[in-house]
Amino acid sequence: MIDIQKKTLPNKLRILTMPMKSTEAVTVMILARAGSRYETRSINGIAHFLEHMFFKGGDRYPTSHSVAEAIDAIGGIFNAFTSDEYAGYFVKVEKTKIDIAFDVLSDMLLNAKFDPEGLERERGVILEEYNMYEDSPQRKIWDVFERLLLGDHPLGWSTIGLPEVIKKAKRSDFVAYQKRLYTPANIVVSVAGNITSAKVESLVKKYLPYPKTGKKNLPLPYHQPTPKKKILVVRKKTEQAHLVIGVPTFGANHPDKYVGKVLAAVLGGGMSSRLFTSVREQLGLAYYVRASSSNYTDTGYLVASAGVDVNRVDLAIQTILNEFKQLTTTKVPAKELNKAKEYLTGGLVLEMEDSDEVAYSFGVQELLHDKTETIDSIRKKIKKVTAEQILKLAKKVFKDDRLCLSVIGPYASDGKIKRVFRI
């Protein structure tokens, strides 16, 4: 069992420490409520761009090379990420090098220069990243789906942003976004590995002396509209059609959260799941096919995704929808239900072997929900899910007027796809 130790400093910055004596490594992760959800249309992409700019250098490590060299020189790993609801920065090192991890991260986040030369170079890097995603239908399909499902709301916009914003972003835009969102009330320092909470608290006070400023960020709320059937086929010359098909559900604090997780595992969790068996093994329509239940703080969706034979995309969609419908009419057998639960809980336990995942998982919980849930608690909630609950949820969400489908492939029209898009 992982011991989660929490400390809130007077400036409202929160510290989570998860001691793991079984490893010689430690992961230092700094998470901020500063994702793309806090953007407006005129600065769509600034959160991700800012993440890149933090790596361009500060006072003690003045260039991107010196930042990278500091971590490379001790055999560490460092990276960052931006999602809709948060941004994160982490360094993983051998336990005796934790001071260096804090030193580098603090210089990046507190002393970033955002110099014009570095900005111009990184502008080109991000535009190429944008082009890379545009040329990757397996990645692009998710942006298409979220925009279709969530609409013209920051949650429905692409995190990487708009090219016109990337091309015009100024130093003042980064400074303003950092000042507004990177405040102690919106930051969690999550540290997992061979370390003590006393040592972590001491290092945070030394390296992250944030002033007591700012309040907790309040994003633009998402109000789920009346369900409406939606379809969008994006024409692109590809050798494989990529699709995401699903329905809107609920936020992360909904009582049916784990019912949704188990339902998704029955559908497409692992190589013996229903979708993998029917779509791939029996019909040979896809290489990858899976299902997932995703939850933002105040909305979510349950989907199946696949890369399928372009000539049989209609059969793939029909097969997936048949599996949706089957769950609305027949209870999941006890053996299959137990397998899905074990798939989820087993994966959860394996993830907790890695200090990266421990720091991330509990850090995000604290950041977004002001609390953490133990692995034992999550396991118990998954175990309590019943076949009756899955049937009830499936009947509620898998309705024709709630379906949302996005497809990328070499199709001149969507007529063939629309004919089978019904449940």
Protein backbone atom coordinates (compact mmCIF):
# COMPACT_ATOMS: atom_id res chain seq x y z
CA MET A 1 0.00 0.00 0.00
CA ILE A 2 1.28 3.46 -0.90
CA ASP A 3 1.41 5.98 1.92
CA ILE A 4 0.27 9.41 0.69
CA GLN A 5 1.59 12.24 2.86
CA LYS A 6 0.18 15.72 2.27
CA LYS A 7 1.36 19.12 3.42
CA THR A 8 -0.14 22.50 2.54
CA LEU A 9 2.20 25.45 2.94
CA PRO A 10 1.02 28.89 4.15
CA ASN A 11 1.07 30.15 0.55
CA LYS A 12 -1.46 27.37 -0.35
CA LEU A 13 1.03 25.31 -2.38
CA ARG A 14 0.38 21.62 -1.78
CA ILE A 15 3.04 18.93 -1.37
CA LEU A 16 2.40 15.23 -1.80
CA THR A 17 5.06 12.71 -0.83
CA MET A 18 4.77 9.00 -1.58
CA PRO A 19 7.74 7.14 -0.04
CA MET A 20 8.72 4.00 -2.00
CA LYS A 21 11.57 2.14 -0.32
CA SER A 22 11.60 -0.54 -3.00
CA THR A 23 13.28 1.79 -5.51
CA GLU A 24 16.52 3.76 -5.61
CA ALA A 25 14.92 6.42 -7.81
CA VAL A 26 12.73 9.43 -7.13
CA THR A 27 10.36 11.39 -9.37
CA VAL A 28 9.78 15.08 -8.74
CA MET A 29 6.67 16.32 -10.53
CA ILE A 30 5.23 19.82 -10.49
CA LEU A 31 1.62 20.04 -11.66
CA ALA A 32 -0.35 23.21 -12.33
CA ARG A 33 -3.98 23.96 -13.13
CA ALA A 34 -2.80 25.64 -16.30
CA GLY A 35 -3.96 23.47 -19.17
CA SER A 36 -5.65 24.53 -22.38
CA ARG A 37 -9.05 24.67 -20.67
CA TYR A 38 -8.04 28.07 -19.30
CA GLU A 39 -7.46 29.57 -22.74
CA THR A 40 -9.61 31.84 -24.84
CA ARG A 41 -9.86 31.47 -28.59
CA SER A 42 -7.36 34.32 -29.12
CA ILE A 43 -4.66 32.46 -27.17
CA ASN A 44 -5.58 28.85 -28.01
CA GLY A 45 -2.29 26.96 -27.81
CA ILE A 46 -0.52 29.26 -25.34
CA ALA A 47 -0.56 26.68 -22.51
CA HIS A 48 1.33 24.13 -24.61
CA PHE A 49 3.66 26.78 -26.07
CA LEU A 50 4.45 27.99 -22.54
CA GLU A 51 5.36 24.44 -21.52
CA HIS A 52 7.98 24.44 -24.27
CA MET A 53 9.28 27.90 -23.34
CA PHE A 54 10.00 26.87 -19.75
CA PHE A 55 12.74 24.61 -21.15
CA LYS A 56 14.53 27.48 -22.90
CA GLY A 57 16.45 28.57 -19.82
CA GLY A 58 16.41 30.67 -16.66
CA ASP A 59 19.07 32.17 -14.39
CA ARG A 60 21.14 29.21 -13.23
CA TYR A 61 20.60 27.18 -16.40
CA PRO A 62 20.41 29.94 -19.03
CA THR A 63 19.96 27.86 -22.20
CA SER A 64 17.96 24.82 -23.29
CA HIS A 65 21.29 22.99 -23.65
CA SER A 66 22.33 23.72 -20.06
CA VAL A 67 18.92 22.57 -18.81
CA ALA A 68 19.22 19.28 -20.69
CA GLU A 69 22.89 18.84 -19.79
CA ALA A 70 22.20 19.21 -16.07
CA ILE A 71 19.85 16.23 -16.13
CA ASP A 72 21.83 14.18 -18.67
CA ALA A 73 24.94 14.57 -16.51
CA ILE A 74 23.30 12.65 -13.68
CA GLY A 75 21.55 10.05 -15.84
CA GLY A 76 18.13 11.49 -15.16
CA ILE A 77 14.95 11.66 -17.20
CA PHE A 78 12.94 14.83 -17.63
CA ASN A 79 9.91 15.85 -19.61
CA ALA A 80 6.68 17.83 -19.54
CA PHE A 81 3.11 17.61 -20.80
CA THR A 82 0.07 19.79 -21.34
CA SER A 83 -3.50 18.52 -21.26
CA ASP A 84 -6.86 20.24 -21.19
CA GLU A 85 -6.99 20.65 -17.42
CA TYR A 86 -3.36 20.77 -16.28
CA ALA A 87 0.30 21.01 -17.22
CA GLY A 88 3.09 18.99 -15.63
CA TYR A 89 6.89 19.01 -15.41
CA PHE A 90 8.95 16.18 -14.00
CA VAL A 91 12.46 14.93 -13.40
CA LYS A 92 13.29 11.35 -12.41
CA VAL A 93 16.71 10.77 -10.86
CA GLU A 94 18.73 8.54 -8.58
CA LYS A 95 17.64 9.40 -5.02
CA THR A 96 20.87 11.19 -4.04
CA LYS A 97 20.41 13.65 -6.95
CA ILE A 98 17.05 15.00 -5.89
CA ASP A 99 18.48 18.44 -5.10
CA ILE A 100 19.52 18.82 -8.73
CA ALA A 101 16.03 17.81 -9.88
CA PHE A 102 14.49 20.54 -7.73
CA ASP A 103 17.13 23.06 -8.76
CA VAL A 104 16.49 22.56 -12.48
CA LEU A 105 12.71 22.56 -12.19
CA SER A 106 12.64 25.63 -9.98
CA ASP A 107 14.90 27.61 -12.31
CA MET A 108 12.71 26.67 -15.26
CA LEU A 109 9.44 27.64 -13.63
CA LEU A 110 10.48 30.62 -11.50
CA ASN A 111 13.18 32.25 -13.61
CA ALA A 112 12.13 31.58 -17.21
CA LYS A 113 13.42 34.35 -19.49
CA PHE A 114 11.14 33.84 -22.50
CA ASP A 115 13.82 35.53 -24.61
CA PRO A 116 12.82 36.58 -28.15
CA GLU A 117 15.44 34.42 -29.89
CA GLY A 118 14.36 31.29 -28.06
CA LEU A 119 10.72 32.15 -28.70
CA GLU A 120 11.26 32.36 -32.45
CA ARG A 121 13.10 29.03 -32.56
CA GLU A 122 10.43 27.28 -30.54
CA ARG A 123 7.68 28.78 -32.66
CA GLY A 124 9.05 26.79 -35.58
CA VAL A 125 9.32 23.65 -33.45
CA ILE A 126 5.68 23.83 -32.40
CA LEU A 127 4.46 24.52 -35.92
CA GLU A 128 6.27 21.36 -36.99
CA GLU A 129 4.68 19.50 -34.09
CA TYR A 130 1.31 20.76 -35.30
CA ASN A 131 2.11 19.50 -38.82
CA MET A 132 3.17 16.15 -37.42
CA TYR A 133 -0.19 15.71 -35.71
CA GLU A 134 -2.03 16.81 -38.84
CA ASP A 135 -0.19 14.07 -40.75
CA SER A 136 -0.96 11.45 -38.09
CA PRO A 137 -4.61 10.41 -38.46
CA GLN A 138 -4.41 8.05 -35.47
CA ARG A 139 -3.62 11.11 -33.32
CA LYS A 140 -5.71 13.67 -35.24
CA ILE A 141 -8.91 11.64 -34.96
CA TRP A 142 -9.11 12.45 -31.24
CA ASP A 143 -9.06 16.20 -31.86
CA VAL A 144 -11.80 15.73 -34.46
CA PHE A 145 -13.90 13.65 -32.07
CA GLU A 146 -13.57 15.98 -29.07
CA ARG A 147 -14.44 19.02 -31.14
CA LEU A 148 -17.48 17.21 -32.52
CA LEU A 149 -18.65 15.96 -29.13
CA LEU A 150 -17.74 18.90 -26.87
CA GLY A 151 -18.29 21.71 -29.35
CA ASP A 152 -16.85 25.23 -29.37
CA HIS A 153 -15.60 25.13 -25.79
CA PRO A 154 -11.97 25.06 -24.57
CA LEU A 155 -12.39 21.32 -23.83
CA GLY A 156 -13.27 20.80 -27.48
CA TRP A 157 -10.30 22.74 -28.83
CA SER A 158 -6.98 21.18 -29.70
CA THR A 159 -4.37 21.52 -26.96
CA ILE A 160 -1.61 22.28 -29.45
CA GLY A 161 -3.66 25.27 -30.56
CA LEU A 162 -4.16 27.27 -33.72
CA PRO A 163 -1.33 28.00 -36.17
CA GLU A 164 -2.30 31.66 -36.30
CA VAL A 165 -1.91 31.91 -32.51
CA ILE A 166 1.41 30.06 -32.56
CA LYS A 167 2.71 32.41 -35.25
CA LYS A 168 1.69 35.58 -33.40
CA ALA A 169 2.33 34.70 -29.73
CA LYS A 170 4.40 37.36 -27.94
CA ARG A 171 6.53 37.30 -24.82
CA SER A 172 3.85 39.27 -22.98
CA ASP A 173 1.33 36.46 -23.66
CA PHE A 174 3.52 33.94 -21.84
CA VAL A 175 4.22 36.28 -18.95
CA ALA A 176 0.50 37.00 -18.51
CA TYR A 177 -0.52 33.33 -18.66
CA GLN A 178 2.19 32.33 -16.20
CA LYS A 179 1.28 35.14 -13.80
CA ARG A 180 -2.41 34.27 -13.89
CA LEU A 181 -2.21 30.50 -13.60
CA TYR A 182 1.14 29.43 -12.12
CA THR A 183 0.34 30.55 -8.59
CA PRO A 184 0.84 28.44 -5.43
CA ALA A 185 -2.89 27.80 -4.93
CA ASN A 186 -2.89 26.14 -8.36
CA ILE A 187 0.24 24.03 -7.94
CA VAL A 188 0.89 20.58 -6.49
CA VAL A 189 4.42 19.28 -6.00
CA SER A 190 4.14 15.50 -6.14
CA VAL A 191 7.20 13.44 -5.23
CA ALA A 192 7.39 9.64 -5.28
CA GLY A 193 10.33 7.35 -4.63
CA ASN A 194 13.01 6.69 -2.05
CA ILE A 195 12.57 9.88 -0.06
CA THR A 196 10.97 11.21 3.12
CA SER A 197 8.28 13.85 3.44
CA ALA A 198 10.51 15.98 5.69
CA LYS A 199 13.22 16.08 3.03
CA VAL A 200 10.70 16.95 0.30
CA GLU A 201 9.16 19.76 2.35
CA SER A 202 12.61 21.18 3.02
CA LEU A 203 13.48 21.12 -0.70
CA VAL A 204 10.17 22.73 -1.72
CA LYS A 205 10.70 25.58 0.73
CA LYS A 206 14.25 26.06 -0.52
CA TYR A 207 13.68 25.84 -4.27
CA LEU A 208 10.05 26.87 -4.79
CA PRO A 209 9.52 30.01 -2.70
CA TYR A 210 6.33 31.09 -4.44
CA PRO A 211 4.80 34.24 -2.95
CA LYS A 212 1.30 34.01 -1.51
CA THR A 213 -0.56 35.29 -4.56
CA GLY A 214 -3.50 34.30 -6.69
CA LYS A 215 -6.59 32.21 -6.12
CA LYS A 216 -7.52 28.79 -7.37
CA ASN A 217 -8.27 28.87 -11.08
CA LEU A 218 -11.90 28.55 -12.07
CA PRO A 219 -12.23 27.31 -15.66
CA LEU A 220 -15.14 28.04 -17.95
CA PRO A 221 -17.74 25.45 -16.86
CA TYR A 222 -18.91 22.85 -19.31
CA HIS A 223 -22.68 22.49 -19.57
CA GLN A 224 -23.57 19.36 -21.47
CA PRO A 225 -26.10 20.23 -24.17
CA THR A 226 -29.12 18.12 -25.04
CA PRO A 227 -27.73 14.97 -26.70
CA LYS A 228 -27.70 15.10 -30.47
CA LYS A 229 -26.49 12.51 -32.93
CA LYS A 230 -23.33 13.71 -34.64
CA ILE A 231 -21.08 12.47 -37.42
CA LEU A 232 -18.07 13.93 -39.15
CA VAL A 233 -16.03 12.25 -41.87
CA VAL A 234 -12.73 13.96 -42.68
CA ARG A 235 -11.48 13.18 -46.16
CA LYS A 236 -7.79 12.28 -46.23
CA LYS A 237 -5.77 9.91 -48.39
CA THR A 238 -4.87 7.14 -45.97
CA GLU A 239 -4.21 3.42 -46.15
CA GLN A 240 -6.29 2.84 -43.04
CA ALA A 241 -9.47 4.47 -41.76
CA HIS A 242 -9.33 5.75 -38.19
CA LEU A 243 -12.50 6.15 -36.20
CA VAL A 244 -13.74 7.09 -32.75
CA ILE A 245 -17.33 6.32 -31.86
CA GLY A 246 -18.95 6.95 -28.52
CA VAL A 247 -21.33 8.82 -26.27
CA PRO A 248 -21.15 11.66 -23.71
CA THR A 249 -21.14 10.56 -20.08
CA PHE A 250 -20.16 12.36 -16.87
CA GLY A 251 -17.41 13.99 -14.84
CA ALA A 252 -14.78 12.41 -12.63
CA ASN A 253 -16.78 12.71 -9.40
CA HIS A 254 -19.91 10.99 -10.71
CA PRO A 255 -21.00 7.90 -8.73
CA ASP A 256 -20.99 5.80 -11.92
CA LYS A 257 -17.37 6.59 -12.76
CA TYR A 258 -16.11 3.08 -12.05
CA VAL A 259 -19.16 1.47 -13.61
CA GLY A 260 -18.08 3.25 -16.79
CA LYS A 261 -14.51 2.03 -16.38
CA VAL A 262 -15.62 -1.59 -16.02
CA LEU A 263 -18.04 -1.28 -18.93
CA ALA A 264 -15.22 0.01 -21.13
CA ALA A 265 -12.98 -2.85 -20.00
CA VAL A 266 -15.65 -5.38 -21.00
CA LEU A 267 -15.91 -3.70 -24.39
CA GLY A 268 -12.29 -3.12 -25.25
CA GLY A 269 -9.89 -3.74 -22.41
CA GLY A 270 -7.28 -6.26 -23.45
CA MET A 271 -6.92 -8.90 -26.13
CA SER A 272 -9.83 -11.03 -24.96
CA SER A 273 -12.36 -8.19 -24.81
CA ARG A 274 -15.51 -8.12 -26.90
CA LEU A 275 -14.31 -5.59 -29.46
CA PHE A 276 -10.89 -7.16 -29.90
CA THR A 277 -12.54 -10.54 -30.43
CA SER A 278 -15.26 -9.41 -32.85
CA VAL A 279 -13.55 -6.62 -34.80
CA ARG A 280 -10.03 -8.00 -35.02
CA GLU A 281 -10.00 -11.74 -34.37
CA GLN A 282 -13.26 -12.80 -36.01
CA LEU A 283 -13.52 -10.31 -38.87
CA GLY A 284 -9.92 -9.17 -39.34
CA LEU A 285 -11.00 -5.55 -39.73
CA ALA A 286 -8.42 -3.81 -37.55
CA TYR A 287 -4.97 -3.98 -36.05
CA TYR A 288 -5.85 -1.84 -33.04
CA VAL A 289 -9.28 -1.60 -31.46
CA ARG A 290 -9.99 -0.54 -27.91
CA ALA A 291 -12.50 1.16 -25.63
CA SER A 292 -12.09 3.69 -22.86
CA SER A 293 -14.04 5.77 -20.39
CA SER A 294 -12.55 9.26 -19.94
CA ASN A 295 -13.59 11.84 -17.37
CA TYR A 296 -12.83 15.54 -17.11
CA THR A 297 -13.87 17.28 -13.90
CA ASP A 298 -17.38 18.03 -15.17
CA THR A 299 -17.98 15.89 -18.26
CA GLY A 300 -16.69 12.81 -20.01
CA TYR A 301 -17.24 10.22 -22.70
CA LEU A 302 -17.21 6.48 -23.31
CA VAL A 303 -15.78 5.49 -26.67
CA ALA A 304 -14.41 2.80 -28.92
CA SER A 305 -11.56 3.61 -31.29
CA ALA A 306 -10.00 1.64 -34.12
CA GLY A 307 -7.86 1.73 -37.24
CA VAL A 308 -9.73 -0.34 -39.82
CA ASP A 309 -9.76 -1.56 -43.41
CA VAL A 310 -10.82 1.44 -45.52
CA ASN A 311 -13.02 -0.76 -47.69
CA ARG A 312 -14.89 -2.24 -44.73
CA VAL A 313 -15.26 0.74 -42.43
CA ASP A 314 -19.05 0.33 -42.54
CA LEU A 315 -18.79 -3.24 -41.26
CA ALA A 316 -16.43 -2.13 -38.49
CA ILE A 317 -18.83 0.60 -37.34
CA GLN A 318 -21.76 -1.79 -37.50
CA THR A 319 -19.87 -4.39 -35.46
CA ILE A 320 -18.89 -1.87 -32.78
CA LEU A 321 -22.46 -0.60 -32.50
CA ASN A 322 -23.73 -4.15 -32.22
CA GLU A 323 -21.46 -4.62 -29.23
CA PHE A 324 -22.84 -1.40 -27.72
CA LYS A 325 -26.38 -2.67 -28.22
CA GLN A 326 -25.62 -6.09 -26.77
CA LEU A 327 -24.66 -4.43 -23.50
CA THR A 328 -28.09 -2.73 -23.34
CA THR A 329 -30.02 -5.99 -23.59
CA THR A 330 -28.04 -8.66 -21.75
CA LYS A 331 -26.18 -8.68 -18.44
CA VAL A 332 -22.45 -9.29 -18.59
CA PRO A 333 -21.81 -12.89 -17.43
CA ALA A 334 -20.15 -13.24 -14.03
CA LYS A 335 -16.91 -14.73 -15.40
CA GLU A 336 -16.49 -11.96 -17.98
CA LEU A 337 -17.35 -9.29 -15.43
CA ASN A 338 -14.75 -10.61 -13.01
CA LYS A 339 -12.14 -10.72 -15.79
CA ALA A 340 -12.78 -7.05 -16.64
CA LYS A 341 -12.42 -6.05 -12.99
CA GLU A 342 -9.19 -8.00 -12.62
CA TYR A 343 -7.90 -6.40 -15.81
CA LEU A 344 -8.43 -2.94 -14.31
CA THR A 345 -7.18 -3.64 -10.79
CA GLY A 346 -4.19 -5.64 -12.01
CA GLY A 347 -3.16 -2.83 -14.34
CA LEU A 348 -3.58 -0.32 -11.53
CA VAL A 349 -1.25 -2.26 -9.24
CA LEU A 350 1.39 -2.67 -11.96
CA GLU A 351 1.34 1.07 -12.69
CA MET A 352 2.05 1.79 -9.03
CA GLU A 353 5.42 0.03 -9.35
CA ASP A 354 6.76 3.11 -11.16
CA SER A 355 7.50 6.33 -9.26
CA ASP A 356 6.55 8.35 -12.38
CA GLU A 357 3.04 6.96 -12.39
CA VAL A 358 2.65 7.26 -8.62
CA ALA A 359 3.65 10.93 -8.64
CA TYR A 360 1.40 11.63 -11.62
CA SER A 361 -1.68 9.70 -10.53
CA PHE A 362 -1.97 11.05 -7.00
CA GLY A 363 -0.72 14.49 -7.97
CA VAL A 364 -3.45 14.98 -10.57
CA GLN A 365 -6.12 13.77 -8.15
CA GLU A 366 -5.05 16.34 -5.58
CA LEU A 367 -4.68 19.10 -8.16
CA LEU A 368 -8.12 18.69 -9.74
CA HIS A 369 -10.22 17.33 -6.87
CA ASP A 370 -8.45 18.52 -3.71
CA LYS A 371 -8.18 14.97 -2.45
CA THR A 372 -6.54 11.64 -3.21
CA GLU A 373 -8.03 8.19 -3.39
CA THR A 374 -5.98 5.22 -2.26
CA ILE A 375 -5.38 2.24 -4.50
CA ASP A 376 -7.26 0.08 -2.03
CA SER A 377 -10.29 2.39 -2.22
CA ILE A 378 -10.27 2.36 -6.02
CA ARG A 379 -9.91 -1.42 -6.08
CA LYS A 380 -12.90 -1.79 -3.75
CA LYS A 381 -15.06 0.47 -5.91
CA ILE A 382 -14.18 -1.52 -9.02
CA LYS A 383 -14.89 -4.80 -7.25
CA LYS A 384 -18.34 -3.55 -6.17
CA VAL A 385 -19.52 -2.89 -9.74
CA THR A 386 -22.37 -5.24 -10.65
CA ALA A 387 -23.74 -6.60 -13.90
CA GLU A 388 -27.00 -4.80 -13.11
CA GLN A 389 -25.19 -1.45 -12.85
CA ILE A 390 -23.46 -2.01 -16.19
CA LEU A 391 -26.74 -2.91 -17.86
CA LYS A 392 -28.42 0.17 -16.39
CA LEU A 393 -25.62 2.49 -17.51
CA ALA A 394 -25.47 0.95 -20.99
CA LYS A 395 -29.21 1.47 -21.44
CA LYS A 396 -28.84 5.07 -20.34
CA VAL A 397 -25.91 6.10 -22.54
CA PHE A 398 -26.01 3.83 -25.60
CA LYS A 399 -28.91 5.51 -27.37
CA ASP A 400 -29.10 6.47 -31.02
CA ASP A 401 -29.58 10.19 -30.35
CA ARG A 402 -26.42 10.26 -28.19
CA LEU A 403 -24.03 8.70 -30.70
CA CYS A 404 -21.02 10.63 -31.90
CA LEU A 405 -18.76 9.36 -34.70
CA SER A 406 -15.63 10.80 -36.27
CA VAL A 407 -13.80 9.13 -39.15
CA ILE A 408 -10.65 10.01 -41.08
CA GLY A 409 -10.19 8.21 -44.39
CA PRO A 410 -10.21 8.41 -48.19
CA TYR A 411 -13.96 8.93 -48.54
CA ALA A 412 -15.56 11.28 -51.07
CA SER A 413 -18.84 11.18 -49.16
CA ASP A 414 -20.21 9.90 -45.86
CA GLY A 415 -23.23 8.09 -47.34
CA LYS A 416 -21.87 4.59 -46.86
CA ILE A 417 -21.00 5.34 -43.25
CA LYS A 418 -24.27 7.08 -42.40
CA ARG A 419 -26.27 4.05 -43.55
CA VAL A 420 -24.89 1.91 -40.72
CA PHE A 421 -24.58 4.65 -38.10
CA ARG A 422 -27.49 3.64 -35.90
CA ILE A 423 -28.06 1.56 -32.83
